[in-house]
């Protein structure tokens, strides 16, 4: 091999590693959840406790089935709205001026994202505050997250000794934060959030560089509830993701609900950089306070020739539901009408 080819292959190898590492970090932050409507806390910290009840949720997503070491993500969330008797059964103080303990939401999210030789594992702690008026609820949320980036050298095949691999800490922690606003009314909701607020650096080759900075991302989410009759409701929603570089992606959803017991829907997600997007189909069911859902994503790009699509499983359990907490949740009226005590 000529010296020029060796230089070219070395440069190509470094580029691939850098793109994969940074892509893995941003990939977790921009994970394309399909069933996010059942747990908007996944996208916006201000939605933590905004419905007024406590819940735990689990999302498992396997992308590009059929590829070896294809991306796989597991996300666990737990969120709570502080009740009058407090989180641990001790009565909270009364409201003092602007602040009221009952308006506080707290949450935690644990995630594990695997993409070939790259694994990202981390946690996110959230504090939210909710202000109610006669027509809706305005929420503010802040999450502090820290994740560990790990590169498995044993899964990386190189023809030569690589300086960046041999001189990098391939097991490092990266801190950052997410801020969000969320507004909920009787018929619609809208929220905006900014992830990677501090744009943390990735250490590579024993040094940091703006080339390895995690991009700040903005997420706009909104939906509207159309009641077709007391039994059926139609909920269109839109998610817009963009970065400081103005790279934009749209996610359009349309879901049909029957008494909040069964639902099904379709979604379309745009691609980027001239790459076609994808379509999704989802369905689910509720039993008392237990929610279960499944979504299938099908890419419209050339990868569809080699992949069996992506699969996403979702489960949510809700707790401590009261009428006061459902003030802005339309589905509560249907449950009352039907004599159901569970959501």
C-alpha atoms as a PDB file:
ATOM      1  CA  UNK A   1       0.000   0.000   0.000  1.00  0.00           C
ATOM      2  CA  UNK A   2       1.356   3.414  -0.962  1.00  0.00           C
ATOM      3  CA  UNK A   3       1.999   6.066   1.697  1.00  0.00           C
ATOM      4  CA  UNK A   4      -0.771   8.208   0.208  1.00  0.00           C
ATOM      5  CA  UNK A   5      -3.284   5.363   0.532  1.00  0.00           C
ATOM      6  CA  UNK A   6      -2.172   4.748   4.122  1.00  0.00           C
ATOM      7  CA  UNK A   7      -2.747   8.407   4.971  1.00  0.00           C
ATOM      8  CA  UNK A   8      -6.141   8.327   3.277  1.00  0.00           C
ATOM      9  CA  UNK A   9      -7.266   5.190   5.099  1.00  0.00           C
ATOM     10  CA  UNK A  10      -6.053   6.572   8.452  1.00  0.00           C
ATOM     11  CA  UNK A  11      -7.977   9.795   7.886  1.00  0.00           C
ATOM     12  CA  UNK A  12     -11.063   7.827   6.867  1.00  0.00           C
ATOM     13  CA  UNK A  13     -10.822   5.654   9.975  1.00  0.00           C
ATOM     14  CA  UNK A  14     -10.551   8.648  12.288  1.00  0.00           C
ATOM     15  CA  UNK A  15     -13.505  10.302  10.566  1.00  0.00           C
ATOM     16  CA  UNK A  16     -15.699   7.220  10.952  1.00  0.00           C
ATOM     17  CA  UNK A  17     -14.858   6.884  14.650  1.00  0.00           C
ATOM     18  CA  UNK A  18     -15.556  10.560  15.304  1.00  0.00           C
ATOM     19  CA  UNK A  19     -18.858  10.532  13.432  1.00  0.00           C
ATOM     20  CA  UNK A  20     -19.977   7.344  15.166  1.00  0.00           C
ATOM     21  CA  UNK A  21     -19.046   8.635  18.611  1.00  0.00           C
ATOM     22  CA  UNK A  22     -20.720  12.000  18.201  1.00  0.00           C
ATOM     23  CA  UNK A  23     -23.625  10.418  16.361  1.00  0.00           C
ATOM     24  CA  UNK A  24     -24.096   7.978  19.192  1.00  0.00           C
ATOM     25  CA  UNK A  25     -24.290  10.788  21.700  1.00  0.00           C
ATOM     26  CA  UNK A  26     -26.681  12.858  19.646  1.00  0.00           C
ATOM     27  CA  UNK A  27     -28.584   9.731  18.699  1.00  0.00           C
ATOM     28  CA  UNK A  28     -29.610   9.140  22.296  1.00  0.00           C
ATOM     29  CA  UNK A  29     -30.649  12.759  22.672  1.00  0.00           C
ATOM     30  CA  UNK A  30     -32.637  12.630  19.434  1.00  0.00           C
ATOM     31  CA  UNK A  31     -33.930   9.089  19.734  1.00  0.00           C
ATOM     32  CA  UNK A  32     -36.950   8.906  17.373  1.00  0.00           C
ATOM     33  CA  UNK A  33     -39.593   7.597  19.781  1.00  0.00           C
ATOM     34  CA  UNK A  34     -42.763   6.737  17.893  1.00  0.00           C
ATOM     35  CA  UNK A  35     -45.197   6.450  20.838  1.00  0.00           C
ATOM     36  CA  UNK A  36     -44.041   9.579  22.681  1.00  0.00           C
ATOM     37  CA  UNK A  37     -47.628  10.858  23.049  1.00  0.00           C
ATOM     38  CA  UNK A  38     -48.155   8.463  25.953  1.00  0.00           C
ATOM     39  CA  UNK A  39     -45.099   9.778  27.776  1.00  0.00           C
ATOM     40  CA  UNK A  40     -44.239  13.315  26.673  1.00  0.00           C
ATOM     41  CA  UNK A  41     -41.692  13.439  29.488  1.00  0.00           C
ATOM     42  CA  UNK A  42     -39.436  11.548  27.054  1.00  0.00           C
ATOM     43  CA  UNK A  43     -39.178  14.735  24.970  1.00  0.00           C
ATOM     44  CA  UNK A  44     -39.811  17.616  27.369  1.00  0.00           C
ATOM     45  CA  UNK A  45     -38.901  17.884  31.083  1.00  0.00           C
ATOM     46  CA  UNK A  46     -41.760  20.368  31.627  1.00  0.00           C
ATOM     47  CA  UNK A  47     -44.235  17.535  30.933  1.00  0.00           C
ATOM     48  CA  UNK A  48     -42.989  15.760  34.076  1.00  0.00           C
ATOM     49  CA  UNK A  49     -46.053  15.500  36.345  1.00  0.00           C
ATOM     50  CA  UNK A  50     -48.111  17.803  34.102  1.00  0.00           C
ATOM     51  CA  UNK A  51     -51.039  15.346  33.995  1.00  0.00           C
ATOM     52  CA  UNK A  52     -51.167  15.398  37.781  1.00  0.00           C
ATOM     53  CA  UNK A  53     -50.514  11.731  38.508  1.00  0.00           C
ATOM     54  CA  UNK A  54     -47.516   9.484  39.020  1.00  0.00           C
ATOM     55  CA  UNK A  55     -46.391   6.926  36.453  1.00  0.00           C
ATOM     56  CA  UNK A  56     -43.582   4.633  35.431  1.00  0.00           C
ATOM     57  CA  UNK A  57     -42.853   3.787  31.816  1.00  0.00           C
ATOM     58  CA  UNK A  58     -40.603   1.583  29.728  1.00  0.00           C
ATOM     59  CA  UNK A  59     -39.732   1.908  26.035  1.00  0.00           C
ATOM     60  CA  UNK A  60     -37.714  -0.718  24.153  1.00  0.00           C
ATOM     61  CA  UNK A  61     -36.751   0.055  20.571  1.00  0.00           C
ATOM     62  CA  UNK A  62     -34.769  -2.066  18.121  1.00  0.00           C
ATOM     63  CA  UNK A  63     -33.897  -0.308  14.874  1.00  0.00           C
ATOM     64  CA  UNK A  64     -32.962  -1.729  11.482  1.00  0.00           C
ATOM     65  CA  UNK A  65     -33.759  -5.329  12.362  1.00  0.00           C
ATOM     66  CA  UNK A  66     -31.666  -7.646  10.209  1.00  0.00           C
ATOM     67  CA  UNK A  67     -28.388  -5.791  10.641  1.00  0.00           C
ATOM     68  CA  UNK A  68     -25.713  -7.126  12.943  1.00  0.00           C
ATOM     69  CA  UNK A  69     -25.201  -4.853  15.987  1.00  0.00           C
ATOM     70  CA  UNK A  70     -28.098  -2.624  14.893  1.00  0.00           C
ATOM     71  CA  UNK A  71     -29.101   0.287  17.189  1.00  0.00           C
ATOM     72  CA  UNK A  72     -31.051  -0.742  20.272  1.00  0.00           C
ATOM     73  CA  UNK A  73     -32.383   1.523  23.024  1.00  0.00           C
ATOM     74  CA  UNK A  74     -34.037   0.903  26.399  1.00  0.00           C
ATOM     75  CA  UNK A  75     -35.497   3.823  28.344  1.00  0.00           C
ATOM     76  CA  UNK A  76     -37.103   3.716  31.809  1.00  0.00           C
ATOM     77  CA  UNK A  77     -38.942   6.734  33.217  1.00  0.00           C
ATOM     78  CA  UNK A  78     -40.594   7.500  36.546  1.00  0.00           C
ATOM     79  CA  UNK A  79     -42.447  10.743  37.222  1.00  0.00           C
ATOM     80  CA  UNK A  80     -44.632  12.031  40.038  1.00  0.00           C
ATOM     81  CA  UNK A  81     -46.786  15.023  40.872  1.00  0.00           C
ATOM     82  CA  UNK A  82     -46.276  15.854  44.552  1.00  0.00           C
ATOM     83  CA  UNK A  83     -49.616  15.130  46.331  1.00  0.00           C
ATOM     84  CA  UNK A  84     -50.983  17.030  49.297  1.00  0.00           C
ATOM     85  CA  UNK A  85     -49.676  14.447  51.750  1.00  0.00           C
ATOM     86  CA  UNK A  86     -46.219  14.567  50.171  1.00  0.00           C
ATOM     87  CA  UNK A  87     -44.279  11.948  48.248  1.00  0.00           C
ATOM     88  CA  UNK A  88     -43.538   9.938  51.392  1.00  0.00           C
ATOM     89  CA  UNK A  89     -46.840  10.376  53.195  1.00  0.00           C
ATOM     90  CA  UNK A  90     -45.864  13.524  55.131  1.00  0.00           C
ATOM     91  CA  UNK A  91     -48.169  16.466  54.608  1.00  0.00           C
ATOM     92  CA  UNK A  92     -46.666  19.283  52.543  1.00  0.00           C
ATOM     93  CA  UNK A  93     -46.735  22.893  53.618  1.00  0.00           C
ATOM     94  CA  UNK A  94     -49.451  25.220  52.411  1.00  0.00           C
ATOM     95  CA  UNK A  95     -48.833  27.534  49.492  1.00  0.00           C
ATOM     96  CA  UNK A  96     -46.645  30.487  50.350  1.00  0.00           C
ATOM     97  CA  UNK A  97     -47.084  33.254  47.802  1.00  0.00           C
ATOM     98  CA  UNK A  98     -46.018  32.164  44.328  1.00  0.00           C
ATOM     99  CA  UNK A  99     -44.782  28.703  45.350  1.00  0.00           C
ATOM    100  CA  UNK A 100     -47.020  25.709  46.120  1.00  0.00           C
ATOM    101  CA  UNK A 101     -45.559  22.232  46.810  1.00  0.00           C
ATOM    102  CA  UNK A 102     -48.539  20.597  45.086  1.00  0.00           C
ATOM    103  CA  UNK A 103     -47.489  22.165  41.790  1.00  0.00           C
ATOM    104  CA  UNK A 104     -44.146  20.378  41.763  1.00  0.00           C
ATOM    105  CA  UNK A 105     -43.303  17.471  39.467  1.00  0.00           C
ATOM    106  CA  UNK A 106     -40.199  15.297  39.856  1.00  0.00           C
ATOM    107  CA  UNK A 107     -38.873  12.553  37.623  1.00  0.00           C
ATOM    108  CA  UNK A 108     -36.000  10.326  36.638  1.00  0.00           C
ATOM    109  CA  UNK A 109     -35.083   8.724  33.334  1.00  0.00           C
ATOM    110  CA  UNK A 110     -32.571   5.910  32.833  1.00  0.00           C
ATOM    111  CA  UNK A 111     -31.429   4.962  29.344  1.00  0.00           C
ATOM    112  CA  UNK A 112     -29.121   2.542  27.607  1.00  0.00           C
ATOM    113  CA  UNK A 113     -28.320   3.016  23.917  1.00  0.00           C
ATOM    114  CA  UNK A 114     -26.201   0.529  21.944  1.00  0.00           C
ATOM    115  CA  UNK A 115     -24.927   1.164  18.421  1.00  0.00           C
ATOM    116  CA  UNK A 116     -22.350  -1.396  17.349  1.00  0.00           C
ATOM    117  CA  UNK A 117     -19.148  -0.760  19.360  1.00  0.00           C
ATOM    118  CA  UNK A 118     -20.664   2.344  20.993  1.00  0.00           C
ATOM    119  CA  UNK A 119     -22.737   2.225  24.188  1.00  0.00           C
ATOM    120  CA  UNK A 120     -24.274   5.248  25.883  1.00  0.00           C
ATOM    121  CA  UNK A 121     -25.724   4.756  29.370  1.00  0.00           C
ATOM    122  CA  UNK A 122     -27.019   7.531  31.563  1.00  0.00           C
ATOM    123  CA  UNK A 123     -29.571   9.098  33.888  1.00  0.00           C
ATOM    124  CA  UNK A 124     -31.655  12.250  33.858  1.00  0.00           C
ATOM    125  CA  UNK A 125     -33.082  13.973  36.950  1.00  0.00           C
ATOM    126  CA  UNK A 126     -35.991  16.388  36.446  1.00  0.00           C
ATOM    127  CA  UNK A 127     -37.724  19.150  38.378  1.00  0.00           C
ATOM    128  CA  UNK A 128     -40.886  20.761  36.992  1.00  0.00           C
ATOM    129  CA  UNK A 129     -43.273  23.427  38.258  1.00  0.00           C
ATOM    130  CA  UNK A 130     -46.855  23.818  37.039  1.00  0.00           C
ATOM    131  CA  UNK A 131     -48.974  26.994  37.114  1.00  0.00           C
ATOM    132  CA  UNK A 132     -52.734  26.582  36.676  1.00  0.00           C
ATOM    133  CA  UNK A 133     -55.316  29.099  35.523  1.00  0.00           C
ATOM    134  CA  UNK A 134     -58.945  28.886  34.390  1.00  0.00           C
ATOM    135  CA  UNK A 135     -58.147  27.658  30.916  1.00  0.00           C
ATOM    136  CA  UNK A 136     -54.933  25.679  31.140  1.00  0.00           C
ATOM    137  CA  UNK A 137     -51.668  24.836  32.817  1.00  0.00           C
ATOM    138  CA  UNK A 138     -48.249  26.348  32.082  1.00  0.00           C
ATOM    139  CA  UNK A 139     -45.286  24.177  33.063  1.00  0.00           C
ATOM    140  CA  UNK A 140     -41.548  24.766  33.387  1.00  0.00           C
ATOM    141  CA  UNK A 141     -39.027  21.939  33.569  1.00  0.00           C
ATOM    142  CA  UNK A 142     -35.290  21.451  33.950  1.00  0.00           C
ATOM    143  CA  UNK A 143     -33.386  18.171  33.641  1.00  0.00           C
ATOM    144  CA  UNK A 144     -29.778  17.530  34.576  1.00  0.00           C
ATOM    145  CA  UNK A 145     -28.401  14.521  32.774  1.00  0.00           C
ATOM    146  CA  UNK A 146     -25.118  12.666  32.759  1.00  0.00           C
ATOM    147  CA  UNK A 147     -24.261   9.796  30.477  1.00  0.00           C
ATOM    148  CA  UNK A 148     -21.327   7.478  30.027  1.00  0.00           C
ATOM    149  CA  UNK A 149     -19.828   6.914  26.599  1.00  0.00           C
ATOM    150  CA  UNK A 150     -18.092   3.577  26.140  1.00  0.00           C
ATOM    151  CA  UNK A 151     -16.293   2.399  22.989  1.00  0.00           C
ATOM    152  CA  UNK A 152     -15.540  -1.324  22.841  1.00  0.00           C
ATOM    153  CA  UNK A 153     -12.107  -1.731  21.212  1.00  0.00           C
ATOM    154  CA  UNK A 154     -12.710  -5.471  20.810  1.00  0.00           C
ATOM    155  CA  UNK A 155     -15.521  -4.730  18.358  1.00  0.00           C
ATOM    156  CA  UNK A 156     -13.393  -2.338  16.282  1.00  0.00           C
ATOM    157  CA  UNK A 157     -11.319  -3.830  13.485  1.00  0.00           C
ATOM    158  CA  UNK A 158      -8.395  -1.703  12.283  1.00  0.00           C
ATOM    159  CA  UNK A 159      -5.475  -2.524   9.980  1.00  0.00           C
ATOM    160  CA  UNK A 160      -3.012  -0.332  11.869  1.00  0.00           C
ATOM    161  CA  UNK A 161      -2.408   1.201  15.271  1.00  0.00           C
ATOM    162  CA  UNK A 162      -4.721   4.167  15.627  1.00  0.00           C
ATOM    163  CA  UNK A 163      -3.524   7.176  17.642  1.00  0.00           C
ATOM    164  CA  UNK A 164      -7.007   8.388  18.541  1.00  0.00           C
ATOM    165  CA  UNK A 165      -8.173   4.996  19.767  1.00  0.00           C
ATOM    166  CA  UNK A 166      -5.022   4.278  21.759  1.00  0.00           C
ATOM    167  CA  UNK A 167      -4.874   7.729  23.348  1.00  0.00           C
ATOM    168  CA  UNK A 168      -8.542   8.276  24.135  1.00  0.00           C
ATOM    169  CA  UNK A 169     -10.452   7.584  27.305  1.00  0.00           C
ATOM    170  CA  UNK A 170     -13.075   5.255  25.880  1.00  0.00           C
ATOM    171  CA  UNK A 171     -15.070   5.176  29.109  1.00  0.00           C
ATOM    172  CA  UNK A 172     -15.966   8.739  30.019  1.00  0.00           C
ATOM    173  CA  UNK A 173     -18.859  10.705  31.557  1.00  0.00           C
ATOM    174  CA  UNK A 174     -20.513  13.647  29.791  1.00  0.00           C
ATOM    175  CA  UNK A 175     -22.833  16.079  31.715  1.00  0.00           C
ATOM    176  CA  UNK A 176     -25.449  18.370  30.207  1.00  0.00           C
ATOM    177  CA  UNK A 177     -28.977  19.759  30.746  1.00  0.00           C
ATOM    178  CA  UNK A 178     -32.407  20.064  29.120  1.00  0.00           C
ATOM    179  CA  UNK A 179     -34.892  22.930  29.608  1.00  0.00           C
ATOM    180  CA  UNK A 180     -38.529  22.957  28.549  1.00  0.00           C
ATOM    181  CA  UNK A 181     -41.871  24.774  28.564  1.00  0.00           C
ATOM    182  CA  UNK A 182     -45.228  23.009  28.239  1.00  0.00           C
ATOM    183  CA  UNK A 183     -48.811  24.312  28.054  1.00  0.00           C
ATOM    184  CA  UNK A 184     -51.904  22.120  28.415  1.00  0.00           C
ATOM    185  CA  UNK A 185     -55.582  22.988  27.993  1.00  0.00           C
ATOM    186  CA  UNK A 186     -58.826  21.064  27.750  1.00  0.00           C
ATOM    187  CA  UNK A 187     -58.395  20.470  24.005  1.00  0.00           C
ATOM    188  CA  UNK A 188     -54.735  20.890  23.071  1.00  0.00           C
ATOM    189  CA  UNK A 189     -51.155  20.871  24.313  1.00  0.00           C
ATOM    190  CA  UNK A 190     -47.961  22.471  23.051  1.00  0.00           C
ATOM    191  CA  UNK A 191     -44.385  22.393  24.332  1.00  0.00           C
ATOM    192  CA  UNK A 192     -40.873  23.389  23.410  1.00  0.00           C
ATOM    193  CA  UNK A 193     -37.584  22.153  24.826  1.00  0.00           C
ATOM    194  CA  UNK A 194     -33.852  22.672  24.320  1.00  0.00           C
ATOM    195  CA  UNK A 195     -31.535  19.680  24.825  1.00  0.00           C
ATOM    196  CA  UNK A 196     -27.747  19.741  25.247  1.00  0.00           C
ATOM    197  CA  UNK A 197     -27.965  23.270  26.656  1.00  0.00           C
ATOM    198  CA  UNK A 198     -24.276  23.410  27.594  1.00  0.00           C
ATOM    199  CA  UNK A 199     -23.127  21.667  24.392  1.00  0.00           C
ATOM    200  CA  UNK A 200     -20.665  19.456  26.241  1.00  0.00           C
ATOM    201  CA  UNK A 201     -17.449  18.293  24.589  1.00  0.00           C
ATOM    202  CA  UNK A 202     -16.431  14.748  23.778  1.00  0.00           C
ATOM    203  CA  UNK A 203     -12.825  13.977  24.709  1.00  0.00           C
ATOM    204  CA  UNK A 204     -11.043  12.256  21.833  1.00  0.00           C
ATOM    205  CA  UNK A 205      -7.299  11.814  21.472  1.00  0.00           C
ATOM    206  CA  UNK A 206      -6.688  13.230  24.951  1.00  0.00           C
ATOM    207  CA  UNK A 207      -8.134  16.639  24.081  1.00  0.00           C
ATOM    208  CA  UNK A 208     -11.461  18.308  23.435  1.00  0.00           C
ATOM    209  CA  UNK A 209     -12.379  20.237  20.348  1.00  0.00           C
ATOM    210  CA  UNK A 210     -15.345  22.147  18.984  1.00  0.00           C
ATOM    211  CA  UNK A 211     -15.451  19.447  16.293  1.00  0.00           C
ATOM    212  CA  UNK A 212     -16.539  16.973  18.984  1.00  0.00           C
ATOM    213  CA  UNK A 213     -19.134  19.239  20.606  1.00  0.00           C
ATOM    214  CA  UNK A 214     -22.646  17.834  21.099  1.00  0.00           C
ATOM    215  CA  UNK A 215     -25.101  19.963  19.142  1.00  0.00           C
ATOM    216  CA  UNK A 216     -27.863  21.833  20.936  1.00  0.00           C
ATOM    217  CA  UNK A 217     -31.251  20.582  19.784  1.00  0.00           C
ATOM    218  CA  UNK A 218     -34.706  22.190  19.902  1.00  0.00           C
ATOM    219  CA  UNK A 219     -37.925  20.216  20.019  1.00  0.00           C
ATOM    220  CA  UNK A 220     -41.430  21.590  19.378  1.00  0.00           C
ATOM    221  CA  UNK A 221     -44.375  19.322  20.153  1.00  0.00           C
ATOM    222  CA  UNK A 222     -48.098  19.962  19.832  1.00  0.00           C
ATOM    223  CA  UNK A 223     -51.392  18.109  19.534  1.00  0.00           C
ATOM    224  CA  UNK A 224     -55.141  18.746  19.364  1.00  0.00           C
ATOM    225  CA  UNK A 225     -58.050  16.575  20.538  1.00  0.00           C
ATOM    226  CA  UNK A 226     -61.064  16.343  18.228  1.00  0.00           C
ATOM    227  CA  UNK A 227     -64.058  14.637  19.840  1.00  0.00           C
ATOM    228  CA  UNK A 228     -65.976  12.855  17.094  1.00  0.00           C
ATOM    229  CA  UNK A 229     -68.548  11.664  19.655  1.00  0.00           C
ATOM    230  CA  UNK A 230     -68.470  10.537  23.313  1.00  0.00           C
ATOM    231  CA  UNK A 231     -66.816   7.285  22.242  1.00  0.00           C
ATOM    232  CA  UNK A 232     -64.308   8.245  19.538  1.00  0.00           C
ATOM    233  CA  UNK A 233     -61.673  10.955  19.436  1.00  0.00           C
ATOM    234  CA  UNK A 234     -59.085  11.885  16.824  1.00  0.00           C
ATOM    235  CA  UNK A 235     -55.731  13.344  17.898  1.00  0.00           C
ATOM    236  CA  UNK A 236     -53.362  14.805  15.280  1.00  0.00           C
ATOM    237  CA  UNK A 237     -49.937  15.834  16.566  1.00  0.00           C
ATOM    238  CA  UNK A 238     -46.745  17.343  15.222  1.00  0.00           C
ATOM    239  CA  UNK A 239     -43.142  17.163  16.390  1.00  0.00           C
ATOM    240  CA  UNK A 240     -40.465  19.470  14.943  1.00  0.00           C
ATOM    241  CA  UNK A 241     -36.784  18.888  15.731  1.00  0.00           C
ATOM    242  CA  UNK A 242     -34.014  21.261  14.715  1.00  0.00           C
ATOM    243  CA  UNK A 243     -30.479  22.250  15.715  1.00  0.00           C
ATOM    244  CA  UNK A 244     -28.367  25.405  15.711  1.00  0.00           C
ATOM    245  CA  UNK A 245     -27.322  24.394  12.208  1.00  0.00           C
ATOM    246  CA  UNK A 246     -31.019  24.483  11.212  1.00  0.00           C
ATOM    247  CA  UNK A 247     -31.135  20.791  10.356  1.00  0.00           C
ATOM    248  CA  UNK A 248     -34.866  20.086  10.647  1.00  0.00           C
ATOM    249  CA  UNK A 249     -36.941  16.934  10.945  1.00  0.00           C
ATOM    250  CA  UNK A 250     -40.748  16.678  11.086  1.00  0.00           C
ATOM    251  CA  UNK A 251     -42.805  13.950  12.687  1.00  0.00           C
ATOM    252  CA  UNK A 252     -46.557  13.948  11.891  1.00  0.00           C
ATOM    253  CA  UNK A 253     -48.905  11.622  13.811  1.00  0.00           C
ATOM    254  CA  UNK A 254     -52.614  10.821  13.605  1.00  0.00           C
ATOM    255  CA  UNK A 255     -54.181   8.614  16.284  1.00  0.00           C
ATOM    256  CA  UNK A 256     -57.751   7.385  16.706  1.00  0.00           C
ATOM    257  CA  UNK A 257     -58.969   6.533  20.248  1.00  0.00           C
ATOM    258  CA  UNK A 258     -61.943   4.522  21.434  1.00  0.00           C
ATOM    259  CA  UNK A 259     -62.880   5.392  25.027  1.00  0.00           C
ATOM    260  CA  UNK A 260     -59.162   5.582  25.794  1.00  0.00           C
ATOM    261  CA  UNK A 261     -59.331   1.770  25.849  1.00  0.00           C
ATOM    262  CA  UNK A 262     -57.970   1.064  22.374  1.00  0.00           C
ATOM    263  CA  UNK A 263     -56.112   3.175  19.857  1.00  0.00           C
ATOM    264  CA  UNK A 264     -54.290   3.009  16.576  1.00  0.00           C
ATOM    265  CA  UNK A 265     -52.509   5.447  14.337  1.00  0.00           C
ATOM    266  CA  UNK A 266     -50.105   6.301  11.552  1.00  0.00           C
ATOM    267  CA  UNK A 267     -47.061   8.553  11.473  1.00  0.00           C
ATOM    268  CA  UNK A 268     -44.681   9.992   8.926  1.00  0.00           C
ATOM    269  CA  UNK A 269     -41.148  11.156   9.722  1.00  0.00           C
ATOM    270  CA  UNK A 270     -39.087  13.169   7.271  1.00  0.00           C
ATOM    271  CA  UNK A 271     -35.472  12.325   6.563  1.00  0.00           C
ATOM    272  CA  UNK A 272     -32.529  14.679   6.281  1.00  0.00           C
ATOM    273  CA  UNK A 273     -29.815  15.580   3.828  1.00  0.00           C
ATOM    274  CA  UNK A 274     -31.870  14.394   0.890  1.00  0.00           C
ATOM    275  CA  UNK A 275     -32.501  10.970   2.481  1.00  0.00           C
ATOM    276  CA  UNK A 276     -36.164   9.791   2.398  1.00  0.00           C
ATOM    277  CA  UNK A 277     -37.967   9.510   5.705  1.00  0.00           C
ATOM    278  CA  UNK A 278     -40.143   6.717   7.007  1.00  0.00           C
ATOM    279  CA  UNK A 279     -43.671   5.701   7.947  1.00  0.00           C
ATOM    280  CA  UNK A 280     -44.955   4.097  11.148  1.00  0.00           C
ATOM    281  CA  UNK A 281     -48.003   2.176  12.285  1.00  0.00           C
ATOM    282  CA  UNK A 282     -48.937   1.822  15.947  1.00  0.00           C
ATOM    283  CA  UNK A 283     -51.669   0.336  18.091  1.00  0.00           C
ATOM    284  CA  UNK A 284     -52.296  -0.282  21.770  1.00  0.00           C
ATOM    285  CA  UNK A 285     -54.724  -1.030  24.562  1.00  0.00           C
ATOM    286  CA  UNK A 286     -55.383  -0.070  28.175  1.00  0.00           C
ATOM    287  CA  UNK A 287     -56.455  -2.262  31.078  1.00  0.00           C
ATOM    288  CA  UNK A 288     -57.283  -0.179  34.172  1.00  0.00           C
ATOM    289  CA  UNK A 289     -54.114   1.888  34.783  1.00  0.00           C
ATOM    290  CA  UNK A 290     -51.906  -0.259  32.505  1.00  0.00           C
ATOM    291  CA  UNK A 291     -51.029   0.916  28.996  1.00  0.00           C
ATOM    292  CA  UNK A 292     -49.401  -1.247  26.352  1.00  0.00           C
ATOM    293  CA  UNK A 293     -48.407  -0.267  22.830  1.00  0.00           C
ATOM    294  CA  UNK A 294     -46.481  -1.458  19.793  1.00  0.00           C
ATOM    295  CA  UNK A 295     -45.115   0.510  16.826  1.00  0.00           C
ATOM    296  CA  UNK A 296     -43.519  -0.597  13.579  1.00  0.00           C
ATOM    297  CA  UNK A 297     -41.303   1.822  11.652  1.00  0.00           C
ATOM    298  CA  UNK A 298     -40.512   1.307   7.986  1.00  0.00           C
ATOM    299  CA  UNK A 299     -37.781   3.330   6.330  1.00  0.00           C
ATOM    300  CA  UNK A 300     -38.360   4.623   2.812  1.00  0.00           C
ATOM    301  CA  UNK A 301     -34.608   4.938   2.136  1.00  0.00           C
ATOM    302  CA  UNK A 302     -32.474   2.311   0.422  1.00  0.00           C
ATOM    303  CA  UNK A 303     -31.853   0.632   3.789  1.00  0.00           C
ATOM    304  CA  UNK A 304     -35.288  -0.979   3.442  1.00  0.00           C
ATOM    305  CA  UNK A 305     -33.748  -3.524   1.051  1.00  0.00           C
ATOM    306  CA  UNK A 306     -31.648  -4.969   3.859  1.00  0.00           C
ATOM    307  CA  UNK A 307     -33.676  -4.311   7.000  1.00  0.00           C
ATOM    308  CA  UNK A 308     -36.914  -5.709   8.429  1.00  0.00           C
ATOM    309  CA  UNK A 309     -37.883  -2.343   9.882  1.00  0.00           C
ATOM    310  CA  UNK A 310     -37.772  -1.047  13.462  1.00  0.00           C
ATOM    311  CA  UNK A 311     -39.874  -2.248  16.397  1.00  0.00           C
ATOM    312  CA  UNK A 312     -40.895  -0.339  19.520  1.00  0.00           C
ATOM    313  CA  UNK A 313     -42.633  -1.677  22.624  1.00  0.00           C
ATOM    314  CA  UNK A 314     -44.148   0.673  25.198  1.00  0.00           C
ATOM    315  CA  UNK A 315     -45.620   0.080  28.666  1.00  0.00           C
ATOM    316  CA  UNK A 316     -46.901   2.681  31.167  1.00  0.00           C
ATOM    317  CA  UNK A 317     -48.429   2.252  34.627  1.00  0.00           C
ATOM    318  CA  UNK A 318     -50.183   5.194  36.331  1.00  0.00           C
ATOM    319  CA  UNK A 319     -50.798   5.727  40.057  1.00  0.00           C
ATOM    320  CA  UNK A 320     -52.624   8.049  42.473  1.00  0.00           C
ATOM    321  CA  UNK A 321     -55.211   9.461  40.108  1.00  0.00           C
ATOM    322  CA  UNK A 322     -57.650  12.071  41.411  1.00  0.00           C
ATOM    323  CA  UNK A 323     -60.230  14.326  39.780  1.00  0.00           C
ATOM    324  CA  UNK A 324     -58.301  17.472  40.666  1.00  0.00           C
ATOM    325  CA  UNK A 325     -55.276  16.217  38.798  1.00  0.00           C
ATOM    326  CA  UNK A 326     -57.339  15.509  35.687  1.00  0.00           C
ATOM    327  CA  UNK A 327     -58.614  19.047  35.360  1.00  0.00           C
ATOM    328  CA  UNK A 328     -57.062  19.385  31.899  1.00  0.00           C
ATOM    329  CA  UNK A 329     -57.371  15.775  30.807  1.00  0.00           C
ATOM    330  CA  UNK A 330     -60.435  15.291  28.606  1.00  0.00           C
ATOM    331  CA  UNK A 331     -60.350  11.540  28.939  1.00  0.00           C
ATOM    332  CA  UNK A 332     -61.275  11.821  32.619  1.00  0.00           C
ATOM    333  CA  UNK A 333     -64.853  12.854  31.732  1.00  0.00           C
ATOM    334  CA  UNK A 334     -65.338   9.702  29.661  1.00  0.00           C
ATOM    335  CA  UNK A 335     -64.111   7.528  32.512  1.00  0.00           C
ATOM    336  CA  UNK A 336     -66.497   9.267  34.908  1.00  0.00           C
ATOM    337  CA  UNK A 337     -69.378   8.790  32.487  1.00  0.00           C
ATOM    338  CA  UNK A 338     -68.583   5.121  32.078  1.00  0.00           C
ATOM    339  CA  UNK A 339     -68.039   4.617  35.806  1.00  0.00           C
ATOM    340  CA  UNK A 340     -64.384   3.712  35.467  1.00  0.00           C
ATOM    341  CA  UNK A 341     -62.006   4.591  38.275  1.00  0.00           C
ATOM    342  CA  UNK A 342     -58.827   3.858  36.313  1.00  0.00           C
ATOM    343  CA  UNK A 343     -57.319   5.823  33.512  1.00  0.00           C
END
